Amino acid sequence: MIQTNRLIDILDKKEIEVFNSYNLTTDDIEFIREVNIGVLRKIPQKAFNCAQLSALLGAVIYDNSDIPVVVISGHLDYFEKRIFNCKSSIPYSTNKKEINEIWDGHCWVEIPGLIIDNSIFRTMYFGKVPSSLKNQIINQFGKGRGTIVASVEQMDNMGFNYKPCFKINQNVIDGLIKSI
């Protein structure tokens, strides 16, 4: 599946064209790796922190490179079992400029050709999740993992199905970063 086919409902035509025309370089991948390490070091290890982790990673990539990047909220399935169900975008009050933290979806970052999830392992290792799910993740990936980065097809082969529902807008990204 072409990555942007999954994003057609949440990105505009120009964003899709930019995504499709960009080719990641080795330097881009190294930059993203270094930035992500910095993000993981900055934010304390705790479960269910996908919005802050993804917002910060997406903002740093956007502010410091030409790499097209989008922070997404949506559903996440693991071997066809729904782990996170996104019924709405992250609630945000424009008047109060604050995030309402009651929300059940999942956030991740997408760049051309890749999904970046820098929170799933923290949630599995530190969260109150069913032990069968936690054990399945640990058996498949091991302990001490930080981030999973892969194409849509590779994610599917590993059992992950990321279903985009909403693009996180800049006001929400800014609010999430301010809350760190």
N, C-alpha and C. Protein backbone atom coordinates (compact mmCIF):
# COMPACT_ATOMS: atom_id res chain seq x y z
N MET A 1 0.84 -1.18 0.00
CA MET A 1 0.00 0.00 0.00
C MET A 1 0.89 1.25 0.00
N ILE A 2 0.58 2.18 -0.86
CA ILE A 2 1.31 3.45 -0.88
C ILE A 2 0.95 4.21 0.39
N GLN A 3 1.97 4.70 1.07
CA GLN A 3 1.76 5.36 2.36
C GLN A 3 0.73 6.48 2.27
N THR A 4 0.82 7.31 1.25
CA THR A 4 -0.08 8.45 1.18
C THR A 4 -1.53 8.06 0.91
N ASN A 5 -1.79 6.87 0.39
CA ASN A 5 -3.18 6.42 0.26
C ASN A 5 -3.85 6.34 1.62
N ARG A 6 -3.08 6.02 2.65
CA ARG A 6 -3.63 5.96 4.01
C ARG A 6 -3.88 7.35 4.57
N LEU A 7 -3.18 8.35 4.02
CA LEU A 7 -3.22 9.70 4.57
C LEU A 7 -4.13 10.65 3.80
N ILE A 8 -4.75 10.16 2.74
CA ILE A 8 -5.51 11.01 1.83
C ILE A 8 -6.66 11.74 2.52
N ASP A 9 -7.22 11.14 3.56
CA ASP A 9 -8.35 11.77 4.26
C ASP A 9 -7.92 12.81 5.29
N ILE A 10 -6.63 12.85 5.62
CA ILE A 10 -6.20 13.79 6.66
C ILE A 10 -5.20 14.84 6.17
N LEU A 11 -4.63 14.64 4.98
CA LEU A 11 -3.71 15.63 4.41
C LEU A 11 -4.33 16.26 3.18
N ASP A 12 -3.96 17.51 2.91
CA ASP A 12 -4.47 18.13 1.69
C ASP A 12 -3.62 17.71 0.49
N LYS A 13 -4.08 18.09 -0.69
CA LYS A 13 -3.44 17.64 -1.94
C LYS A 13 -1.97 18.06 -2.00
N LYS A 14 -1.67 19.29 -1.59
CA LYS A 14 -0.29 19.78 -1.63
C LYS A 14 0.59 18.97 -0.68
N GLU A 15 0.09 18.69 0.52
CA GLU A 15 0.87 17.89 1.47
C GLU A 15 1.15 16.49 0.92
N ILE A 16 0.17 15.91 0.26
CA ILE A 16 0.35 14.58 -0.36
C ILE A 16 1.43 14.65 -1.44
N GLU A 17 1.38 15.69 -2.28
CA GLU A 17 2.38 15.84 -3.34
C GLU A 17 3.79 15.99 -2.76
N VAL A 18 3.93 16.79 -1.71
CA VAL A 18 5.24 16.98 -1.07
C VAL A 18 5.73 15.65 -0.49
N PHE A 19 4.84 14.94 0.18
CA PHE A 19 5.19 13.64 0.75
C PHE A 19 5.68 12.69 -0.34
N ASN A 20 4.93 12.62 -1.44
CA ASN A 20 5.25 11.69 -2.51
C ASN A 20 6.53 12.06 -3.27
N SER A 21 6.89 13.33 -3.28
CA SER A 21 8.05 13.75 -4.08
C SER A 21 9.36 13.72 -3.29
N TYR A 22 9.29 13.53 -1.98
CA TYR A 22 10.50 13.58 -1.16
C TYR A 22 11.13 12.19 -1.04
N ASN A 23 12.43 12.14 -1.23
CA ASN A 23 13.18 10.90 -1.04
C ASN A 23 14.11 11.06 0.15
N LEU A 24 13.90 10.24 1.17
CA LEU A 24 14.76 10.29 2.36
C LEU A 24 16.19 9.91 1.99
N THR A 25 17.14 10.61 2.59
CA THR A 25 18.55 10.30 2.38
C THR A 25 19.11 9.62 3.63
N THR A 26 20.31 9.11 3.51
CA THR A 26 20.99 8.53 4.66
C THR A 26 21.19 9.59 5.74
N ASP A 27 21.51 10.81 5.34
CA ASP A 27 21.66 11.91 6.30
C ASP A 27 20.33 12.21 7.01
N ASP A 28 19.22 12.15 6.28
CA ASP A 28 17.90 12.35 6.90
C ASP A 28 17.65 11.31 7.98
N ILE A 29 17.93 10.06 7.66
CA ILE A 29 17.70 8.97 8.61
C ILE A 29 18.56 9.16 9.86
N GLU A 30 19.81 9.54 9.67
CA GLU A 30 20.71 9.77 10.81
C GLU A 30 20.22 10.95 11.65
N PHE A 31 19.77 12.01 10.98
CA PHE A 31 19.22 13.17 11.69
C PHE A 31 18.01 12.76 12.54
N ILE A 32 17.10 12.00 11.95
CA ILE A 32 15.90 11.57 12.68
C ILE A 32 16.28 10.67 13.85
N ARG A 33 17.24 9.80 13.65
CA ARG A 33 17.70 8.92 14.74
C ARG A 33 18.22 9.76 15.91
N GLU A 34 19.07 10.73 15.61
CA GLU A 34 19.65 11.58 16.66
C GLU A 34 18.58 12.41 17.36
N VAL A 35 17.68 13.00 16.58
CA VAL A 35 16.60 13.80 17.15
C VAL A 35 15.73 12.93 18.06
N ASN A 36 15.39 11.74 17.61
CA ASN A 36 14.53 10.87 18.41
C ASN A 36 15.21 10.47 19.73
N ILE A 37 16.50 10.19 19.68
CA ILE A 37 17.23 9.89 20.92
C ILE A 37 17.11 11.06 21.89
N GLY A 38 17.26 12.28 21.38
CA GLY A 38 17.12 13.47 22.22
C GLY A 38 15.73 13.59 22.82
N VAL A 39 14.70 13.32 22.02
CA VAL A 39 13.32 13.37 22.51
C VAL A 39 13.11 12.34 23.61
N LEU A 40 13.57 11.12 23.39
CA LEU A 40 13.39 10.06 24.38
C LEU A 40 14.13 10.39 25.68
N ARG A 41 15.26 11.06 25.58
CA ARG A 41 16.01 11.45 26.79
C ARG A 41 15.33 12.60 27.53
N LYS A 42 14.68 13.49 26.79
CA LYS A 42 14.06 14.66 27.40
C LYS A 42 12.79 14.32 28.18
N ILE A 43 12.00 13.41 27.65
CA ILE A 43 10.70 13.10 28.26
C ILE A 43 10.84 11.86 29.14
N PRO A 44 10.44 11.97 30.42
CA PRO A 44 10.57 10.82 31.33
C PRO A 44 9.85 9.58 30.81
N GLN A 45 10.41 8.43 31.15
CA GLN A 45 9.82 7.16 30.73
C GLN A 45 8.54 6.90 31.51
N LYS A 46 7.42 6.94 30.81
CA LYS A 46 6.14 6.58 31.39
C LYS A 46 5.22 6.12 30.27
N ALA A 47 4.19 5.44 30.66
CA ALA A 47 3.24 4.89 29.69
C ALA A 47 2.27 5.96 29.21
N PHE A 48 1.65 5.67 28.07
CA PHE A 48 0.56 6.47 27.52
C PHE A 48 0.95 7.93 27.31
N ASN A 49 2.15 8.14 26.79
CA ASN A 49 2.66 9.49 26.57
C ASN A 49 2.90 9.73 25.08
N CYS A 50 2.13 9.07 24.25
CA CYS A 50 2.36 9.13 22.80
C CYS A 50 2.19 10.53 22.24
N ALA A 51 1.25 11.30 22.76
CA ALA A 51 0.98 12.61 22.18
C ALA A 51 2.17 13.55 22.37
N GLN A 52 2.71 13.62 23.58
CA GLN A 52 3.86 14.49 23.82
C GLN A 52 5.09 14.03 23.05
N LEU A 53 5.38 12.73 23.09
CA LEU A 53 6.55 12.20 22.39
C LEU A 53 6.46 12.46 20.89
N SER A 54 5.31 12.19 20.31
CA SER A 54 5.14 12.39 18.86
C SER A 54 5.16 13.87 18.50
N ALA A 55 4.50 14.70 19.31
CA ALA A 55 4.48 16.14 19.03
C ALA A 55 5.89 16.72 19.04
N LEU A 56 6.67 16.36 20.05
CA LEU A 56 8.03 16.91 20.14
C LEU A 56 8.90 16.42 18.99
N LEU A 57 8.82 15.14 18.68
CA LEU A 57 9.60 14.61 17.56
C LEU A 57 9.20 15.28 16.25
N GLY A 58 7.91 15.37 16.00
CA GLY A 58 7.44 16.00 14.77
C GLY A 58 7.86 17.46 14.67
N ALA A 59 7.78 18.19 15.78
CA ALA A 59 8.14 19.61 15.78
C ALA A 59 9.63 19.81 15.52
N VAL A 60 10.47 18.99 16.13
CA VAL A 60 11.92 19.13 15.94
C VAL A 60 12.30 18.80 14.49
N ILE A 61 11.70 17.75 13.94
CA ILE A 61 11.96 17.42 12.53
C ILE A 61 11.52 18.58 11.64
N TYR A 62 10.32 19.09 11.87
CA TYR A 62 9.78 20.18 11.06
C TYR A 62 10.64 21.44 11.15
N ASP A 63 11.04 21.79 12.37
CA ASP A 63 11.78 23.04 12.60
C ASP A 63 13.23 22.98 12.11
N ASN A 64 13.80 21.80 11.97
CA ASN A 64 15.23 21.68 11.71
C ASN A 64 15.60 20.93 10.44
N SER A 65 14.62 20.70 9.57
CA SER A 65 14.91 19.98 8.33
C SER A 65 13.87 20.32 7.27
N ASP A 66 14.08 19.80 6.09
CA ASP A 66 13.11 19.94 5.01
C ASP A 66 12.29 18.67 4.83
N ILE A 67 12.41 17.73 5.75
CA ILE A 67 11.71 16.46 5.65
C ILE A 67 10.22 16.69 5.90
N PRO A 68 9.36 16.29 4.98
CA PRO A 68 7.92 16.38 5.24
C PRO A 68 7.56 15.48 6.43
N VAL A 69 6.81 16.02 7.36
CA VAL A 69 6.48 15.28 8.57
C VAL A 69 5.04 15.60 8.98
N VAL A 70 4.37 14.60 9.50
CA VAL A 70 3.02 14.80 10.02
C VAL A 70 2.88 14.01 11.32
N VAL A 71 2.27 14.66 12.31
CA VAL A 71 1.94 13.99 13.57
C VAL A 71 0.49 13.56 13.45
N ILE A 72 0.25 12.29 13.72
CA ILE A 72 -1.05 11.68 13.46
C ILE A 72 -1.63 11.09 14.73
N SER A 73 -2.95 11.16 14.84
CA SER A 73 -3.65 10.38 15.85
C SER A 73 -4.57 9.41 15.12
N GLY A 74 -4.71 8.23 15.72
CA GLY A 74 -5.54 7.23 15.08
C GLY A 74 -5.66 5.97 15.90
N HIS A 75 -6.06 4.91 15.23
CA HIS A 75 -6.19 3.59 15.85
C HIS A 75 -4.87 2.85 15.72
N LEU A 76 -4.64 1.94 16.65
CA LEU A 76 -3.51 1.03 16.53
C LEU A 76 -3.99 -0.37 16.85
N ASP A 77 -3.79 -1.27 15.89
CA ASP A 77 -4.10 -2.69 16.07
C ASP A 77 -2.80 -3.47 16.11
N TYR A 78 -2.79 -4.52 16.92
CA TYR A 78 -1.63 -5.41 16.99
C TYR A 78 -2.16 -6.82 16.79
N PHE A 79 -1.73 -7.45 15.70
CA PHE A 79 -2.25 -8.75 15.28
C PHE A 79 -3.77 -8.76 15.33
N GLU A 80 -4.34 -7.75 14.66
CA GLU A 80 -5.78 -7.59 14.46
C GLU A 80 -6.57 -7.34 15.74
N LYS A 81 -5.89 -7.04 16.83
CA LYS A 81 -6.58 -6.68 18.07
C LYS A 81 -6.37 -5.19 18.31
N ARG A 82 -7.46 -4.48 18.51
CA ARG A 82 -7.39 -3.03 18.71
C ARG A 82 -6.77 -2.74 20.08
N ILE A 83 -5.65 -2.00 20.05
CA ILE A 83 -4.99 -1.57 21.29
C ILE A 83 -5.47 -0.18 21.67
N PHE A 84 -5.53 0.72 20.67
CA PHE A 84 -5.99 2.08 20.89
C PHE A 84 -7.07 2.39 19.85
N ASN A 85 -8.17 2.97 20.33
CA ASN A 85 -9.30 3.30 19.47
C ASN A 85 -9.50 4.81 19.51
N CYS A 86 -9.28 5.46 18.41
CA CYS A 86 -9.33 6.92 18.33
C CYS A 86 -10.71 7.36 17.86
N LYS A 87 -11.50 7.87 18.78
CA LYS A 87 -12.85 8.32 18.44
C LYS A 87 -12.89 9.79 18.02
N SER A 88 -11.85 10.53 18.41
CA SER A 88 -11.80 11.96 18.08
C SER A 88 -10.35 12.41 18.09
N SER A 89 -10.14 13.60 17.55
CA SER A 89 -8.81 14.18 17.64
C SER A 89 -8.55 14.57 19.10
N ILE A 90 -7.34 14.90 19.40
CA ILE A 90 -7.01 15.28 20.78
C ILE A 90 -7.81 16.53 21.12
N PRO A 91 -8.62 16.47 22.18
CA PRO A 91 -9.44 17.63 22.56
C PRO A 91 -8.56 18.83 22.91
N TYR A 92 -8.91 19.99 22.35
CA TYR A 92 -8.09 21.18 22.54
C TYR A 92 -8.99 22.39 22.66
N SER A 93 -8.77 23.20 23.67
CA SER A 93 -9.54 24.42 23.85
C SER A 93 -8.74 25.59 23.30
N THR A 94 -9.22 26.21 22.23
CA THR A 94 -8.50 27.34 21.65
C THR A 94 -8.59 28.57 22.55
N ASN A 95 -9.67 28.69 23.32
CA ASN A 95 -9.81 29.84 24.22
C ASN A 95 -8.81 29.76 25.37
N LYS A 96 -8.68 28.59 25.96
CA LYS A 96 -7.81 28.42 27.12
C LYS A 96 -6.41 27.96 26.73
N LYS A 97 -6.24 27.60 25.46
CA LYS A 97 -4.96 27.08 24.96
C LYS A 97 -4.45 25.94 25.83
N GLU A 98 -5.32 24.97 26.04
CA GLU A 98 -4.93 23.82 26.85
C GLU A 98 -5.44 22.54 26.21
N ILE A 99 -4.81 21.45 26.59
CA ILE A 99 -5.18 20.14 26.09
C ILE A 99 -6.03 19.45 27.15
N ASN A 100 -7.18 18.90 26.72
CA ASN A 100 -7.97 18.07 27.60
C ASN A 100 -7.39 16.67 27.47
N GLU A 101 -6.81 16.14 28.54
CA GLU A 101 -6.04 14.91 28.46
C GLU A 101 -6.88 13.64 28.43
N ILE A 102 -8.20 13.74 28.47
CA ILE A 102 -9.03 12.55 28.41
C ILE A 102 -9.22 12.20 26.93
N TRP A 103 -8.51 11.15 26.52
CA TRP A 103 -8.49 10.80 25.10
C TRP A 103 -7.97 9.37 24.98
N ASP A 104 -8.50 8.59 24.04
CA ASP A 104 -8.17 7.16 23.97
C ASP A 104 -7.43 6.72 22.72
N GLY A 105 -7.01 7.64 21.88
CA GLY A 105 -6.34 7.25 20.65
C GLY A 105 -4.85 7.02 20.84
N HIS A 106 -4.15 6.95 19.72
CA HIS A 106 -2.70 6.78 19.72
C HIS A 106 -2.10 7.79 18.75
N CYS A 107 -0.91 8.28 19.06
CA CYS A 107 -0.20 9.22 18.19
C CYS A 107 1.11 8.63 17.72
N TRP A 108 1.48 9.01 16.52
CA TRP A 108 2.78 8.64 15.95
C TRP A 108 3.16 9.68 14.91
N VAL A 109 4.35 9.55 14.37
CA VAL A 109 4.87 10.47 13.36
C VAL A 109 5.03 9.70 12.05
N GLU A 110 4.70 10.37 10.94
CA GLU A 110 4.98 9.78 9.63
C GLU A 110 5.81 10.76 8.82
N ILE A 111 6.82 10.20 8.16
CA ILE A 111 7.65 10.90 7.20
C ILE A 111 7.58 10.07 5.92
N PRO A 112 8.04 10.57 4.80
CA PRO A 112 7.91 9.78 3.57
C PRO A 112 8.50 8.37 3.70
N GLY A 113 7.62 7.39 3.55
CA GLY A 113 8.03 5.99 3.56
C GLY A 113 8.10 5.33 4.91
N LEU A 114 7.96 6.09 6.00
CA LEU A 114 8.15 5.50 7.33
C LEU A 114 7.12 5.97 8.35
N ILE A 115 6.78 5.05 9.24
CA ILE A 115 6.02 5.33 10.45
C ILE A 115 7.03 5.30 11.59
N ILE A 116 6.94 6.29 12.49
CA ILE A 116 7.82 6.34 13.66
C ILE A 116 6.94 6.35 14.90
N ASP A 117 7.06 5.32 15.71
CA ASP A 117 6.31 5.23 16.97
C ASP A 117 7.32 5.16 18.11
N ASN A 118 7.49 6.29 18.79
CA ASN A 118 8.47 6.34 19.87
C ASN A 118 7.84 6.22 21.25
N SER A 119 6.61 5.70 21.30
CA SER A 119 5.95 5.57 22.60
C SER A 119 5.42 4.16 22.89
N ILE A 120 5.24 3.34 21.89
CA ILE A 120 4.57 2.05 22.11
C ILE A 120 5.31 1.17 23.10
N PHE A 121 6.64 1.15 23.03
CA PHE A 121 7.38 0.29 23.95
C PHE A 121 7.29 0.82 25.38
N ARG A 122 7.33 2.13 25.57
CA ARG A 122 7.17 2.69 26.92
C ARG A 122 5.81 2.30 27.49
N THR A 123 4.79 2.38 26.67
CA THR A 123 3.45 2.00 27.15
C THR A 123 3.41 0.53 27.54
N MET A 124 4.02 -0.32 26.73
CA MET A 124 4.02 -1.76 27.04
C MET A 124 4.86 -2.07 28.28
N TYR A 125 6.00 -1.42 28.43
CA TYR A 125 6.89 -1.71 29.55
C TYR A 125 6.40 -1.12 30.87
N PHE A 126 5.81 0.09 30.82
CA PHE A 126 5.49 0.81 32.05
C PHE A 126 3.99 0.96 32.32
N GLY A 127 3.15 0.58 31.38
CA GLY A 127 1.72 0.81 31.53
C GLY A 127 0.97 -0.38 32.10
N LYS A 128 -0.23 -0.08 32.55
CA LYS A 128 -1.14 -1.14 32.98
C LYS A 128 -1.83 -1.65 31.72
N VAL A 129 -1.21 -2.64 31.12
CA VAL A 129 -1.73 -3.27 29.90
C VAL A 129 -1.90 -4.75 30.19
N PRO A 130 -2.76 -5.43 29.46
CA PRO A 130 -2.92 -6.87 29.69
C PRO A 130 -1.56 -7.58 29.62
N SER A 131 -1.31 -8.44 30.57
CA SER A 131 0.00 -9.13 30.62
C SER A 131 0.25 -9.94 29.37
N SER A 132 -0.80 -10.49 28.76
CA SER A 132 -0.60 -11.26 27.53
C SER A 132 -0.07 -10.37 26.41
N LEU A 133 -0.58 -9.15 26.30
CA LEU A 133 -0.11 -8.21 25.29
C LEU A 133 1.33 -7.79 25.58
N LYS A 134 1.59 -7.43 26.81
CA LYS A 134 2.95 -7.03 27.21
C LYS A 134 3.94 -8.15 26.91
N ASN A 135 3.61 -9.36 27.29
CA ASN A 135 4.50 -10.50 27.06
C ASN A 135 4.70 -10.77 25.58
N GLN A 136 3.65 -10.62 24.79
CA GLN A 136 3.76 -10.83 23.35
C GLN A 136 4.72 -9.81 22.73
N ILE A 137 4.61 -8.55 23.13
CA ILE A 137 5.50 -7.50 22.63
C ILE A 137 6.94 -7.78 23.07
N ILE A 138 7.14 -8.13 24.33
CA ILE A 138 8.49 -8.42 24.83
C ILE A 138 9.08 -9.63 24.13
N ASN A 139 8.28 -10.66 23.92
CA ASN A 139 8.77 -11.85 23.21
C ASN A 139 9.16 -11.54 21.77
N GLN A 140 8.42 -10.64 21.13
CA GLN A 140 8.70 -10.31 19.74
C GLN A 140 9.87 -9.33 19.60
N PHE A 141 9.96 -8.34 20.49
CA PHE A 141 10.93 -7.26 20.31
C PHE A 141 12.01 -7.20 21.39
N GLY A 142 11.78 -7.83 22.53
CA GLY A 142 12.74 -7.77 23.62
C GLY A 142 12.45 -6.62 24.56
N LYS A 143 13.25 -6.54 25.62
CA LYS A 143 13.11 -5.47 26.61
C LYS A 143 14.03 -4.31 26.23
N GLY A 144 13.69 -3.14 26.73
CA GLY A 144 14.56 -1.99 26.57
C GLY A 144 14.53 -1.31 25.21
N ARG A 145 13.53 -1.56 24.42
CA ARG A 145 13.41 -0.91 23.11
C ARG A 145 12.90 0.51 23.29
N GLY A 146 13.29 1.38 22.36
CA GLY A 146 12.85 2.77 22.45
C GLY A 146 11.82 3.15 21.42
N THR A 147 12.08 2.82 20.17
CA THR A 147 11.24 3.30 19.07
C THR A 147 11.14 2.22 18.01
N ILE A 148 9.99 2.17 17.36
CA ILE A 148 9.85 1.31 16.20
C ILE A 148 9.70 2.22 14.98
N VAL A 149 10.54 1.99 13.98
CA VAL A 149 10.55 2.77 12.75
C VAL A 149 10.50 1.78 11.60
N ALA A 150 9.47 1.88 10.77
CA ALA A 150 9.34 0.93 9.67
C ALA A 150 8.34 1.47 8.65
N SER A 151 8.37 0.88 7.47
CA SER A 151 7.38 1.21 6.45
C SER A 151 6.04 0.61 6.85
N VAL A 152 4.99 1.03 6.16
CA VAL A 152 3.66 0.48 6.41
C VAL A 152 3.69 -1.03 6.25
N GLU A 153 4.32 -1.51 5.19
CA GLU A 153 4.38 -2.95 4.92
C GLU A 153 5.15 -3.69 6.01
N GLN A 154 6.27 -3.13 6.45
CA GLN A 154 7.05 -3.76 7.52
C GLN A 154 6.26 -3.78 8.82
N MET A 155 5.54 -2.70 9.11
CA MET A 155 4.70 -2.68 10.31
C MET A 155 3.66 -3.78 10.24
N ASP A 156 3.01 -3.91 9.09
CA ASP A 156 2.02 -4.98 8.91
C ASP A 156 2.64 -6.35 9.16
N ASN A 157 3.84 -6.56 8.63
CA ASN A 157 4.52 -7.85 8.82
C ASN A 157 4.86 -8.13 10.28
N MET A 158 5.04 -7.06 11.07
CA MET A 158 5.32 -7.21 12.50
C MET A 158 4.04 -7.29 13.33
N GLY A 159 2.90 -7.17 12.67
CA GLY A 159 1.62 -7.27 13.37
C GLY A 159 0.97 -5.95 13.70
N PHE A 160 1.63 -4.83 13.39
CA PHE A 160 1.08 -3.51 13.71
C PHE A 160 0.32 -2.94 12.52
N ASN A 161 -0.86 -2.40 12.80
CA ASN A 161 -1.65 -1.72 11.78
C ASN A 161 -2.01 -0.34 12.32
N TYR A 162 -1.34 0.67 11.80
CA TYR A 162 -1.58 2.05 12.18
C TYR A 162 -2.64 2.62 11.24
N LYS A 163 -3.77 3.05 11.81
CA LYS A 163 -4.87 3.58 11.00
C LYS A 163 -5.05 5.06 11.30
N PRO A 164 -4.57 5.93 10.40
CA PRO A 164 -4.67 7.37 10.63
C PRO A 164 -6.11 7.84 10.68
N CYS A 165 -6.41 8.70 11.64
CA CYS A 165 -7.74 9.31 11.73
C CYS A 165 -7.67 10.84 11.63
N PHE A 166 -6.64 11.45 12.26
CA PHE A 166 -6.54 12.90 12.32
C PHE A 166 -5.09 13.35 12.22
N LYS A 167 -4.89 14.46 11.52
CA LYS A 167 -3.60 15.15 11.55
C LYS A 167 -3.64 16.07 12.77
N ILE A 168 -2.62 16.02 13.58
CA ILE A 168 -2.56 16.90 14.76
C ILE A 168 -2.11 18.28 14.29
N ASN A 169 -2.92 19.30 14.58
CA ASN A 169 -2.61 20.64 14.09
C ASN A 169 -1.55 21.32 14.95
N GLN A 170 -1.01 22.41 14.44
CA GLN A 170 0.11 23.08 15.10
C GLN A 170 -0.25 23.60 16.49
N ASN A 171 -1.47 24.10 16.69
CA ASN A 171 -1.87 24.57 18.03
C ASN A 171 -1.82 23.45 19.05
N VAL A 172 -2.28 22.28 18.66
CA VAL A 172 -2.26 21.13 19.58
C VAL A 172 -0.82 20.69 19.82
N ILE A 173 -0.01 20.64 18.76
CA ILE A 173 1.40 20.28 18.93
C ILE A 173 2.08 21.25 19.90
N ASP A 174 1.85 22.55 19.72
CA ASP A 174 2.43 23.54 20.62
C ASP A 174 1.97 23.34 22.06
N GLY A 175 0.67 23.08 22.24
CA GLY A 175 0.14 22.83 23.58
C GLY A 175 0.74 21.61 24.23
N LEU A 176 0.91 20.55 23.45
CA LEU A 176 1.51 19.33 23.99
C LEU A 176 2.96 19.56 24.39
N ILE A 177 3.69 20.30 23.59
CA ILE A 177 5.10 20.58 23.91
C ILE A 177 5.19 21.47 25.15
N LYS A 178 4.32 22.45 25.26
CA LYS A 178 4.33 23.33 26.45
C LYS A 178 4.02 22.55 27.72
N SER A 179 3.29 21.45 27.59
CA SER A 179 2.91 20.68 28.78
C SER A 179 4.01 19.73 29.26
N ILE A 180 5.11 19.66 28.52
CA ILE A 180 6.21 18.75 28.90
C ILE A 180 6.92 19.29 30.13
